């Protein structure tokens, strides 16, 4: 009799690096118990505007109500979270006498929840936690935070960093604090079943970019590199399968774990894809994963000479191909074609007259400083210009 092999992604599993992670189908059913075990009785659910009416919100609302928890929902988070939305969330949290935050959704919902959690129990301003000039010392009493991703792309569920747009300056900033982190993350692949084909592709490539940019950095971090390589392995295996079979638990689970690992890996840093994408998102409010996907080939070409020694590992992990840079680049472009990613930034509204502004802002982004090849403002301007109509 032929042995039946059951996918490991159909099983539940817990691990504790870098935070407690609960993986498996229907793990969302444990949310109320998780809240109670951490003495959370009045959680504020934070999500983005586009997710407010999606089924997972009604699912967790019912679960928490049945368990006797007093909840409110804050869903005024934009696709690229704004500083004023975080401040509004802080007021809602305090007025409602909440004692914890459940951040659920894609990257925007989780970034919104993390940023609110960062400031509700202290009187510091949001920008006092700016990653580039963090001077706050000795804080420990942050609001308890649980993160629940409903896409397989952001990888934001295991760390405290949050990207928020400074509306006065029109740039994205990274806010965080070393001792602030989620108390747990729930990775339930069934929560991603209803993600549309387009968002599945965009967020999947976002995860791929996280792993590629992290692994490409020329610094010694074997743990991050291991996470990136396994992330690429899973994403390469499942990104097209999950689009073809959106209700397949194995494919959704593989992508969700791959995204999580890629998200952990970029504690090492990111690169020019994110430096440019952050500022395009701040100026044009574009979908982050789609923006990353469009820019990726142009940045690979820019970085070519600096990542040649890294490419064979990435190419084999993602595509089972032992080829060199040209092979990897072609495989990436072909994948983007099959996923129906546009070839230029102009398709998402980016205008030529904004290129100089975007280049200047991108040069100041933290991700630019860890790119494997230094980019001048002129070089960034050329890269963005090339990406307007033909990034690949």
Protein backbone atom coordinates (compact mmCIF):
# COMPACT_ATOMS: atom_id res chain seq x y z
CA UNK A 1 0.00 0.00 0.00
CA UNK A 2 1.30 3.43 -0.94
CA UNK A 3 2.16 5.56 2.07
CA UNK A 4 0.04 8.69 2.39
CA UNK A 5 2.16 11.71 3.25
CA UNK A 6 0.32 14.40 5.21
CA UNK A 7 1.69 17.92 4.84
CA UNK A 8 3.20 19.33 8.01
CA UNK A 9 1.41 22.59 7.25
CA UNK A 10 -1.89 20.92 8.16
CA UNK A 11 -0.70 20.46 11.74
CA UNK A 12 -0.49 22.88 14.64
CA UNK A 13 2.93 23.97 15.86
CA UNK A 14 4.27 26.48 18.37
CA UNK A 15 7.70 28.06 18.44
CA UNK A 16 9.29 30.85 20.43
CA UNK A 17 11.75 32.67 18.16
CA UNK A 18 11.71 35.63 18.29
CA UNK A 19 8.36 35.66 20.14
CA UNK A 20 5.76 32.97 20.92
CA UNK A 21 4.16 31.99 17.59
CA UNK A 22 1.02 29.86 17.33
CA UNK A 23 0.72 28.29 13.87
CA UNK A 24 -2.05 26.15 12.42
CA UNK A 25 -5.55 25.99 10.96
CA UNK A 26 -8.17 27.34 13.38
CA UNK A 27 -5.59 28.66 15.84
CA UNK A 28 -7.66 31.86 15.85
CA UNK A 29 -10.06 29.96 18.12
CA UNK A 30 -7.43 30.28 20.88
CA UNK A 31 -7.43 34.10 20.81
CA UNK A 32 -9.73 34.61 23.80
CA UNK A 33 -7.73 32.15 25.91
CA UNK A 34 -4.52 33.90 24.91
CA UNK A 35 -5.99 37.25 25.97
CA UNK A 36 -7.12 35.92 29.33
CA UNK A 37 -3.77 34.26 30.01
CA UNK A 38 -2.19 37.71 29.73
CA UNK A 39 -4.93 39.42 31.77
CA UNK A 40 -6.36 41.29 28.78
CA UNK A 41 -10.05 41.94 29.49
CA UNK A 42 -10.81 44.96 27.29
CA UNK A 43 -8.84 44.57 24.04
CA UNK A 44 -8.90 47.16 21.30
CA UNK A 45 -8.96 45.50 17.88
CA UNK A 46 -6.94 47.54 15.40
CA UNK A 47 -7.22 46.94 11.67
CA UNK A 48 -7.15 48.89 8.42
CA UNK A 49 -10.08 50.51 6.68
CA UNK A 50 -10.23 47.89 3.96
CA UNK A 51 -10.46 45.00 6.42
CA UNK A 52 -13.25 46.28 8.67
CA UNK A 53 -16.01 44.37 6.84
CA UNK A 54 -14.03 41.21 6.12
CA UNK A 55 -15.09 37.91 7.73
CA UNK A 56 -12.13 37.59 10.10
CA UNK A 57 -13.25 40.70 12.01
CA UNK A 58 -16.69 39.24 12.70
CA UNK A 59 -15.07 35.89 13.62
CA UNK A 60 -12.81 37.34 16.31
CA UNK A 61 -15.51 39.73 17.51
CA UNK A 62 -17.83 36.80 18.16
CA UNK A 63 -15.08 34.74 19.80
CA UNK A 64 -14.13 37.52 22.20
CA UNK A 65 -17.72 38.48 23.02
CA UNK A 66 -18.65 34.88 23.83
CA UNK A 67 -15.63 34.74 26.14
CA UNK A 68 -16.92 37.79 28.02
CA UNK A 69 -14.26 40.24 26.87
CA UNK A 70 -15.20 43.88 26.33
CA UNK A 71 -13.98 44.92 22.91
CA UNK A 72 -13.95 47.90 20.59
CA UNK A 73 -12.77 48.09 16.98
CA UNK A 74 -10.58 50.84 15.58
CA UNK A 75 -10.35 50.61 11.79
CA UNK A 76 -9.29 54.11 10.75
CA UNK A 77 -5.89 52.97 9.50
CA UNK A 78 -4.95 53.84 5.90
CA UNK A 79 -3.02 51.49 3.57
CA UNK A 80 0.02 53.59 4.53
CA UNK A 81 -0.70 54.49 8.18
CA UNK A 82 -0.68 58.20 9.02
CA UNK A 83 0.55 59.81 12.23
CA UNK A 84 -2.83 61.42 12.93
CA UNK A 85 -4.52 57.99 12.73
CA UNK A 86 -2.15 56.64 15.37
CA UNK A 87 -2.95 59.57 17.65
CA UNK A 88 -6.68 59.00 17.14
CA UNK A 89 -6.19 55.34 18.03
CA UNK A 90 -4.38 56.38 21.20
CA UNK A 91 -7.39 58.48 22.21
CA UNK A 92 -9.82 55.64 21.46
CA UNK A 93 -7.71 53.25 23.55
CA UNK A 94 -7.56 55.57 26.53
CA UNK A 95 -11.19 56.69 26.35
CA UNK A 96 -12.31 53.07 26.20
CA UNK A 97 -10.11 52.09 29.14
CA UNK A 98 -8.63 49.28 27.08
CA UNK A 99 -5.87 47.06 28.44
CA UNK A 100 -4.45 45.44 25.33
CA UNK A 101 -4.33 45.60 21.53
CA UNK A 102 -5.09 42.96 18.93
CA UNK A 103 -3.51 44.10 15.66
CA UNK A 104 -5.02 42.13 12.79
CA UNK A 105 -4.81 42.44 9.01
CA UNK A 106 -2.01 43.12 6.57
CA UNK A 107 1.01 45.28 7.22
CA UNK A 108 -0.99 48.48 7.63
CA UNK A 109 -3.33 47.09 10.28
CA UNK A 110 -0.49 45.55 12.24
CA UNK A 111 1.74 48.62 11.90
CA UNK A 112 -1.14 50.75 13.13
CA UNK A 113 -1.72 48.52 16.14
CA UNK A 114 1.99 48.36 16.98
CA UNK A 115 2.40 52.13 16.77
CA UNK A 116 -0.65 52.72 19.00
CA UNK A 117 0.65 50.16 21.50
CA UNK A 118 3.95 52.03 21.58
CA UNK A 119 2.48 55.31 22.88
CA UNK A 120 -0.72 54.62 24.85
CA UNK A 121 0.97 54.04 28.22
CA UNK A 122 3.34 56.99 28.16
CA UNK A 123 3.36 60.69 27.26
CA UNK A 124 6.06 60.59 24.59
CA UNK A 125 5.22 61.72 21.09
CA UNK A 126 5.14 59.17 18.28
CA UNK A 127 8.27 60.65 16.73
CA UNK A 128 10.21 60.26 19.97
CA UNK A 129 10.34 56.60 18.86
CA UNK A 130 11.75 57.41 15.42
CA UNK A 131 14.30 54.70 14.66
CA UNK A 132 16.80 57.23 13.28
CA UNK A 133 17.03 59.28 16.47
CA UNK A 134 15.70 57.14 19.29
CA UNK A 135 16.56 58.79 22.60
CA UNK A 136 13.85 57.42 24.91
CA UNK A 137 15.32 55.38 27.78
CA UNK A 138 14.02 52.97 30.40
CA UNK A 139 10.47 52.26 29.17
CA UNK A 140 8.88 48.88 29.92
CA UNK A 141 5.15 49.38 30.49
CA UNK A 142 3.76 49.05 26.98
CA UNK A 143 0.25 47.94 26.15
CA UNK A 144 0.06 44.15 25.67
CA UNK A 145 0.00 43.39 21.94
CA UNK A 146 -1.10 40.36 19.91
CA UNK A 147 -0.47 40.34 16.15
CA UNK A 148 -2.49 38.32 13.64
CA UNK A 149 -1.51 38.51 9.96
CA UNK A 150 -4.23 37.93 7.36
CA UNK A 151 -1.89 38.23 4.38
CA UNK A 152 1.31 36.36 3.57
CA UNK A 153 3.62 39.24 2.90
CA UNK A 154 4.31 41.76 5.58
CA UNK A 155 6.07 39.57 8.14
CA UNK A 156 5.34 42.35 10.65
CA UNK A 157 3.86 40.11 13.31
CA UNK A 158 6.99 39.24 15.28
CA UNK A 159 8.69 42.59 15.85
CA UNK A 160 7.81 46.06 17.11
CA UNK A 161 8.84 48.20 14.14
CA UNK A 162 6.03 50.12 12.47
CA UNK A 163 6.11 52.29 9.36
CA UNK A 164 4.07 55.50 9.76
CA UNK A 165 3.81 58.50 7.46
CA UNK A 166 4.84 61.86 8.89
CA UNK A 167 2.15 63.99 7.28
CA UNK A 168 4.05 67.24 7.86
CA UNK A 169 7.12 66.02 5.97
CA UNK A 170 5.44 63.59 3.57
CA UNK A 171 7.84 60.74 4.40
CA UNK A 172 7.55 57.35 6.04
CA UNK A 173 9.36 56.84 9.31
CA UNK A 174 10.10 53.69 11.27
CA UNK A 175 9.05 53.81 14.93
CA UNK A 176 10.03 51.20 17.50
CA UNK A 177 11.49 50.55 20.92
CA UNK A 178 13.87 47.71 21.87
CA UNK A 179 11.79 46.25 24.71
CA UNK A 180 8.45 46.68 22.91
CA UNK A 181 7.36 43.56 21.06
CA UNK A 182 4.20 41.50 20.57
CA UNK A 183 3.52 39.03 23.34
CA UNK A 184 2.42 36.50 20.71
CA UNK A 185 1.51 36.08 17.05
CA UNK A 186 -1.19 33.80 15.63
CA UNK A 187 -0.52 32.38 12.17
CA UNK A 188 -3.77 30.82 10.99
CA UNK A 189 -3.64 29.99 7.26
CA UNK A 190 -7.42 29.84 7.00
CA UNK A 191 -7.59 33.59 7.71
CA UNK A 192 -5.88 34.14 4.35
CA UNK A 193 -8.30 32.01 2.30
CA UNK A 194 -10.39 34.92 1.02
CA UNK A 195 -7.46 37.16 0.07
CA UNK A 196 -8.02 38.18 -3.59
CA UNK A 197 -5.66 36.89 -6.27
CA UNK A 198 -4.09 40.31 -6.76
CA UNK A 199 -3.34 40.86 -3.06
CA UNK A 200 -2.08 37.30 -2.72
CA UNK A 201 0.44 38.03 -5.47
CA UNK A 202 1.41 41.52 -4.25
CA UNK A 203 1.88 40.51 -0.62
CA UNK A 204 3.67 37.31 -1.65
CA UNK A 205 6.23 39.29 -3.64
CA UNK A 206 6.58 41.66 -0.68
CA UNK A 207 7.70 38.66 1.40
CA UNK A 208 10.07 37.59 -1.37
CA UNK A 209 11.60 41.09 -1.43
CA UNK A 210 12.12 41.00 2.34
CA UNK A 211 14.14 37.81 2.03
CA UNK A 212 16.10 38.93 -1.05
CA UNK A 213 17.03 42.32 0.41
CA UNK A 214 17.95 40.91 3.81
CA UNK A 215 20.08 38.11 2.40
CA UNK A 216 21.82 40.50 -0.01
CA UNK A 217 23.24 42.67 2.79
CA UNK A 218 26.95 42.09 3.26
CA UNK A 219 27.04 41.73 7.01
CA UNK A 220 27.44 38.72 9.29
CA UNK A 221 24.08 37.54 10.62
CA UNK A 222 23.77 33.79 10.03
CA UNK A 223 20.44 33.53 11.85
CA UNK A 224 18.82 36.17 9.63
CA UNK A 225 20.40 34.60 6.55
CA UNK A 226 19.00 31.19 7.49
CA UNK A 227 15.54 32.68 7.94
CA UNK A 228 15.79 34.46 4.58
CA UNK A 229 16.88 31.34 2.71
CA UNK A 230 14.12 29.15 4.17
CA UNK A 231 11.66 31.98 3.50
CA UNK A 232 12.72 31.99 -0.16
CA UNK A 233 12.41 28.21 -0.26
CA UNK A 234 8.81 28.30 0.94
CA UNK A 235 7.78 31.34 -1.10
CA UNK A 236 9.29 29.88 -4.26
CA UNK A 237 7.47 26.61 -3.64
CA UNK A 238 4.04 28.04 -2.89
CA UNK A 239 3.51 31.53 -4.31
CA UNK A 240 2.05 30.34 -7.61
CA UNK A 241 0.35 27.29 -6.11
CA UNK A 242 -1.59 29.45 -3.67
CA UNK A 243 -2.89 31.68 -6.47
CA UNK A 244 -4.04 28.60 -8.40
CA UNK A 245 -5.58 26.99 -5.29
CA UNK A 246 -6.48 29.73 -2.80
CA UNK A 247 -8.26 27.36 -0.38
CA UNK A 248 -5.41 24.87 -0.14
CA UNK A 249 -4.24 24.87 3.48
CA UNK A 250 -0.77 23.57 2.65
CA UNK A 251 -0.10 26.37 0.15
CA UNK A 252 -1.54 29.07 2.39
CA UNK A 253 0.37 27.70 5.36
CA UNK A 254 3.65 27.50 3.46
CA UNK A 255 3.28 31.10 2.32
CA UNK A 256 2.31 32.31 5.80
CA UNK A 257 5.37 30.72 7.40
CA UNK A 258 7.61 31.84 4.54
CA UNK A 259 6.40 35.39 5.01
CA UNK A 260 6.98 35.19 8.76
CA UNK A 261 10.54 33.93 8.31
CA UNK A 262 11.32 36.60 5.72
CA UNK A 263 9.94 39.19 8.14
CA UNK A 264 12.21 37.94 10.92
CA UNK A 265 15.18 38.02 8.55
CA UNK A 266 14.93 41.71 7.82
CA UNK A 267 15.95 42.61 11.34
CA UNK A 268 19.29 42.49 9.50
CA UNK A 269 18.14 45.36 7.28
CA UNK A 270 16.57 46.00 3.88
CA UNK A 271 17.62 47.85 0.73
CA UNK A 272 16.72 50.26 -2.03
CA UNK A 273 13.49 48.50 -2.97
CA UNK A 274 12.08 49.47 0.41
CA UNK A 275 13.78 52.86 0.56
CA UNK A 276 12.05 53.90 -2.67
CA UNK A 277 8.80 52.07 -1.97
CA UNK A 278 8.39 53.69 1.45
CA UNK A 279 8.50 57.15 -0.11
CA UNK A 280 6.29 56.26 -3.08
CA UNK A 281 3.78 54.99 -0.54
CA UNK A 282 4.06 58.15 1.57
CA UNK A 283 3.53 60.44 -1.43
CA UNK A 284 1.02 58.40 -3.48
CA UNK A 285 -0.54 56.03 -0.88
CA UNK A 286 0.21 53.01 -3.06
CA UNK A 287 -0.09 49.36 -2.05
CA UNK A 288 3.28 48.50 -0.51
CA UNK A 289 3.75 44.98 -1.86
CA UNK A 290 2.80 46.00 -5.40
CA UNK A 291 5.18 48.95 -5.26
CA UNK A 292 8.00 46.67 -4.09
CA UNK A 293 7.25 44.17 -6.83
CA UNK A 294 7.48 46.81 -9.56
CA UNK A 295 10.77 48.24 -8.29
CA UNK A 296 12.56 44.95 -7.55
CA UNK A 297 14.11 44.26 -11.00
CA UNK A 298 15.57 47.76 -11.30
CA UNK A 299 17.22 47.44 -7.89
CA UNK A 300 18.58 44.00 -8.73
CA UNK A 301 20.26 45.47 -11.81
CA UNK A 302 21.67 48.34 -9.74
CA UNK A 303 23.04 45.93 -7.14
CA UNK A 304 24.30 43.32 -9.60
CA UNK A 305 28.04 43.61 -8.97
CA UNK A 306 27.55 43.70 -5.19
CA UNK A 307 25.35 40.60 -4.91
CA UNK A 308 26.88 38.18 -7.42
CA UNK A 309 28.27 36.03 -4.61
CA UNK A 310 24.80 35.84 -3.03
CA UNK A 311 22.74 35.05 -6.12
CA UNK A 312 23.31 31.31 -6.51
CA UNK A 313 21.88 30.58 -3.07
CA UNK A 314 18.85 32.80 -3.69
CA UNK A 315 18.28 31.39 -7.19
CA UNK A 316 18.40 27.78 -6.02
CA UNK A 317 16.27 28.41 -2.93
CA UNK A 318 13.56 30.22 -4.88
CA UNK A 319 13.63 28.60 -8.31
CA UNK A 320 15.71 25.38 -7.95
CA UNK A 321 18.09 26.91 -10.49
CA UNK A 322 21.88 26.86 -10.08
CA UNK A 323 22.41 29.73 -12.53
CA UNK A 324 24.18 33.05 -12.06
CA UNK A 325 22.85 36.60 -11.79
CA UNK A 326 21.38 36.66 -15.31
CA UNK A 327 19.45 33.49 -14.60
CA UNK A 328 18.15 34.76 -11.25
CA UNK A 329 17.14 38.10 -12.76
CA UNK A 330 15.29 36.39 -15.61
CA UNK A 331 13.54 34.03 -13.18
CA UNK A 332 12.39 37.01 -11.08
CA UNK A 333 11.11 38.90 -14.14
CA UNK A 334 9.29 35.83 -15.46
CA UNK A 335 7.67 35.27 -12.08
CA UNK A 336 6.50 38.90 -11.97
CA UNK A 337 5.07 38.49 -15.47
CA UNK A 338 3.14 35.38 -14.47
CA UNK A 339 1.84 37.20 -11.39
CA UNK A 340 0.67 40.06 -13.64
CA UNK A 341 2.78 42.70 -11.92
CA UNK A 342 2.90 45.96 -13.93
CA UNK A 343 6.26 46.86 -15.45
CA UNK A 344 6.40 50.50 -14.37
CA UNK A 345 5.62 52.84 -11.48
CA UNK A 346 3.58 55.07 -13.78
CA UNK A 347 0.90 52.36 -13.76
CA UNK A 348 0.26 53.11 -10.07
CA UNK A 349 0.23 56.88 -10.51
CA UNK A 350 3.85 57.92 -9.97
CA UNK A 351 4.66 61.09 -11.97
CA UNK A 352 7.96 62.17 -13.51
CA UNK A 353 7.81 65.55 -11.80
CA UNK A 354 8.00 63.84 -8.38
CA UNK A 355 11.12 61.78 -9.14
CA UNK A 356 13.61 64.26 -7.61
CA UNK A 357 11.56 64.53 -4.42
CA UNK A 358 11.23 60.75 -4.15
CA UNK A 359 14.97 60.25 -4.68
CA UNK A 360 15.89 62.77 -2.00
CA UNK A 361 13.47 61.24 0.50
CA UNK A 362 14.54 57.67 -0.33
CA UNK A 363 18.19 58.59 0.26
CA UNK A 364 17.32 59.38 3.88
CA UNK A 365 15.40 56.16 4.50
CA UNK A 366 17.09 53.70 6.88
CA UNK A 367 16.77 50.92 4.30
CA UNK A 368 19.03 52.85 1.90
CA UNK A 369 21.89 52.68 4.41
CA UNK A 370 21.93 48.85 4.40
CA UNK A 371 21.66 48.38 0.63
CA UNK A 372 24.70 46.36 -0.55
CA UNK A 373 25.70 49.16 -2.96
CA UNK A 374 25.75 52.81 -1.95
CA UNK A 375 23.36 54.97 -3.96
CA UNK A 376 23.79 58.70 -4.46
CA UNK A 377 20.74 60.89 -4.86
CA UNK A 378 21.51 61.12 -8.59
CA UNK A 379 21.70 57.32 -8.83
CA UNK A 380 18.37 57.01 -7.03
CA UNK A 381 16.84 59.54 -9.38
CA UNK A 382 18.06 57.54 -12.39
CA UNK A 383 16.74 54.29 -10.89
CA UNK A 384 13.29 55.77 -10.24
CA UNK A 385 13.15 57.33 -13.70
CA UNK A 386 13.98 53.98 -15.27
CA UNK A 387 11.28 52.37 -13.16
CA UNK A 388 8.50 54.71 -14.30
CA UNK A 389 7.86 52.86 -17.54
CA UNK A 390 10.18 49.86 -17.63
CA UNK A 391 11.53 48.56 -14.34
CA UNK A 392 11.99 45.22 -16.12
